[in-house]
Structures are given as structure tokens and as C-alpha cells.
Amino acid sequence: MTDLFPPIRDRAIAYIRTYTPILIGSILAYLLAHFTIAATVLAQAQVVFGPSVKDILAAAATAAVIALYYWGARQLGKRWPKAEKWLLGSSAVPTYTAQHTA
């Protein structure tokens, strides 16, 4: 019988490196949407197109900020590995092995 799950350490690293950018990116997106010109744009979108379009735009902007944050952290990590550790929560990259089932 083979282990269907990666080792706990690799799962922990994967979770940390996934949820850290989501949390920080979401906070950044919230701050951008409420304290910058983006707040005015979203308010105008709500007036012109309705609240559902505002929600869609806010969700898309949040996803974009998260993706940009992760990409930026990876790019900085190529030059300065310690920056990646701080920005993503861990500098270790999880390893995945092929699982063989009988």
C-alpha cells in the first residue's frame, strides 16, 4: 500500500506558500479598493452598471492583486531568496513525487 498524500512537511509548505499570498494580496486589494482612486471607479461602476458588476470587478481586481503579489514575490526570490521567504512565508519549495498505486 502506498501513501496517497505527500509528507506533512511538504503539505505544510504548500499551504503556507498558497495562503500567505492570498491573505496578503486580499488585504492589499481591500486597501486599494477602499483608499485609492479604485474606490471611485468601483462606486461609479455600481452606479452605472449595478451592484453585481461592482462585485465582479472587485473580485477580479482582488484575484489580479493576489497573482501580482505572488509573481512579484517569486521574482524577488530569484534575486534575493530571503525576500521570498518573508513574502511567501517560506523559501522552501514543496517537492512532489509520483505516486504509484497497485
Protein backbone atom coordinates (compact mmCIF):
# COMPACT_ATOMS: atom_id res chain seq x y z
CA MET A 1 0.00 0.00 0.00
CA THR A 2 1.37 3.41 -0.93
CA ASP A 3 0.95 6.72 0.80
CA LEU A 4 -1.51 8.80 -1.25
CA PHE A 5 -0.58 12.03 0.48
CA PRO A 6 2.70 13.94 0.32
CA PRO A 7 4.70 14.14 3.58
CA ILE A 8 3.33 16.53 6.19
CA ARG A 9 6.27 18.92 5.74
CA ASP A 10 5.59 19.30 2.01
CA ARG A 11 1.88 19.80 2.61
CA ALA A 12 2.61 22.45 5.23
CA ILE A 13 4.99 24.28 2.88
CA ALA A 14 2.43 24.14 0.09
CA TYR A 15 -0.30 25.55 2.33
CA ILE A 16 1.91 28.31 3.68
CA ARG A 17 3.10 29.32 0.20
CA THR A 18 -0.51 29.29 -1.06
CA TYR A 19 -2.36 31.04 1.72
CA THR A 20 0.23 33.70 2.58
CA PRO A 21 -0.10 35.42 -0.83
CA ILE A 22 -3.88 35.03 -0.70
CA LEU A 23 -4.08 36.70 2.69
CA ILE A 24 -1.64 39.50 1.96
CA GLY A 25 -2.96 40.02 -1.58
CA SER A 26 -6.54 40.22 -0.28
CA ILE A 27 -5.55 42.78 2.32
CA LEU A 28 -3.73 44.83 -0.31
CA ALA A 29 -6.72 44.60 -2.67
CA TYR A 30 -9.05 45.72 0.12
CA LEU A 31 -6.85 48.70 0.91
CA LEU A 32 -6.56 49.60 -2.78
CA ALA A 33 -10.31 49.30 -3.30
CA HIS A 34 -11.19 51.47 -0.33
CA PHE A 35 -8.44 54.06 -0.10
CA THR A 36 -7.40 54.86 -3.68
CA ILE A 37 -8.93 56.00 -6.93
CA ALA A 38 -10.13 52.42 -7.36
CA ALA A 39 -12.82 53.19 -4.76
CA THR A 40 -14.17 55.93 -7.03
CA VAL A 41 -14.07 53.64 -10.07
CA LEU A 42 -15.92 50.86 -8.23
CA ALA A 43 -18.53 53.32 -6.94
CA GLN A 44 -19.10 54.63 -10.47
CA ALA A 45 -19.36 51.06 -11.80
CA GLN A 46 -22.03 50.37 -9.20
CA VAL A 47 -24.00 53.46 -10.22
CA VAL A 48 -23.71 52.82 -13.95
CA PHE A 49 -23.91 49.02 -14.16
CA GLY A 50 -25.38 47.90 -10.84
CA PRO A 51 -24.04 46.28 -7.71
CA SER A 52 -23.36 42.88 -9.30
CA VAL A 53 -20.87 44.39 -11.77
CA LYS A 54 -19.11 46.18 -8.91
CA ASP A 55 -18.77 42.85 -7.10
CA ILE A 56 -17.42 41.13 -10.20
CA LEU A 57 -14.89 43.91 -10.77
CA ALA A 58 -13.83 43.81 -7.12
CA ALA A 59 -13.36 40.04 -7.25
CA ALA A 60 -11.37 40.25 -10.49
CA ALA A 61 -9.20 43.04 -9.07
CA THR A 62 -8.57 41.01 -5.92
CA ALA A 63 -7.51 37.99 -7.98
CA ALA A 64 -5.21 40.20 -10.05
CA VAL A 65 -3.59 41.72 -6.95
CA ILE A 66 -3.03 38.25 -5.45
CA ALA A 67 -1.48 36.99 -8.69
CA LEU A 68 0.74 40.07 -8.98
CA TYR A 69 1.84 39.73 -5.37
CA TYR A 70 2.78 36.07 -5.86
CA TRP A 71 4.57 36.77 -9.13
CA GLY A 72 6.47 39.68 -7.61
CA ALA A 73 7.49 37.62 -4.59
CA ARG A 74 8.79 34.85 -6.86
CA GLN A 75 10.72 37.33 -8.99
CA LEU A 76 12.30 38.95 -5.94
CA GLY A 77 13.07 35.48 -4.59
CA LYS A 78 15.13 34.70 -7.67
CA ARG A 79 17.41 37.60 -6.85
CA TRP A 80 17.11 37.62 -3.06
CA PRO A 81 15.98 34.25 -1.64
CA LYS A 82 15.35 35.73 1.81
CA ALA A 83 12.79 38.12 0.31
CA GLU A 84 10.80 35.15 -0.97
CA LYS A 85 10.86 33.62 2.49
CA TRP A 86 9.39 36.77 4.02
CA LEU A 87 6.88 37.46 1.26
CA LEU A 88 5.59 33.91 0.82
CA GLY A 89 6.08 32.59 4.34
CA SER A 90 8.71 30.02 3.35
CA SER A 91 11.65 29.86 0.98
CA ALA A 92 11.35 26.08 0.69
CA VAL A 93 9.54 24.80 -2.37
CA PRO A 94 7.42 21.70 -1.81
CA THR A 95 8.51 18.57 -3.65
CA TYR A 96 6.07 16.18 -5.17
CA THR A 97 6.85 12.62 -6.13
CA ALA A 98 4.96 10.37 -8.49
CA GLN A 99 2.51 8.17 -6.64
CA HIS A 100 2.27 4.56 -7.71
CA THR A 101 -0.84 2.61 -6.85
CA ALA A 102 -1.23 -1.10 -7.17
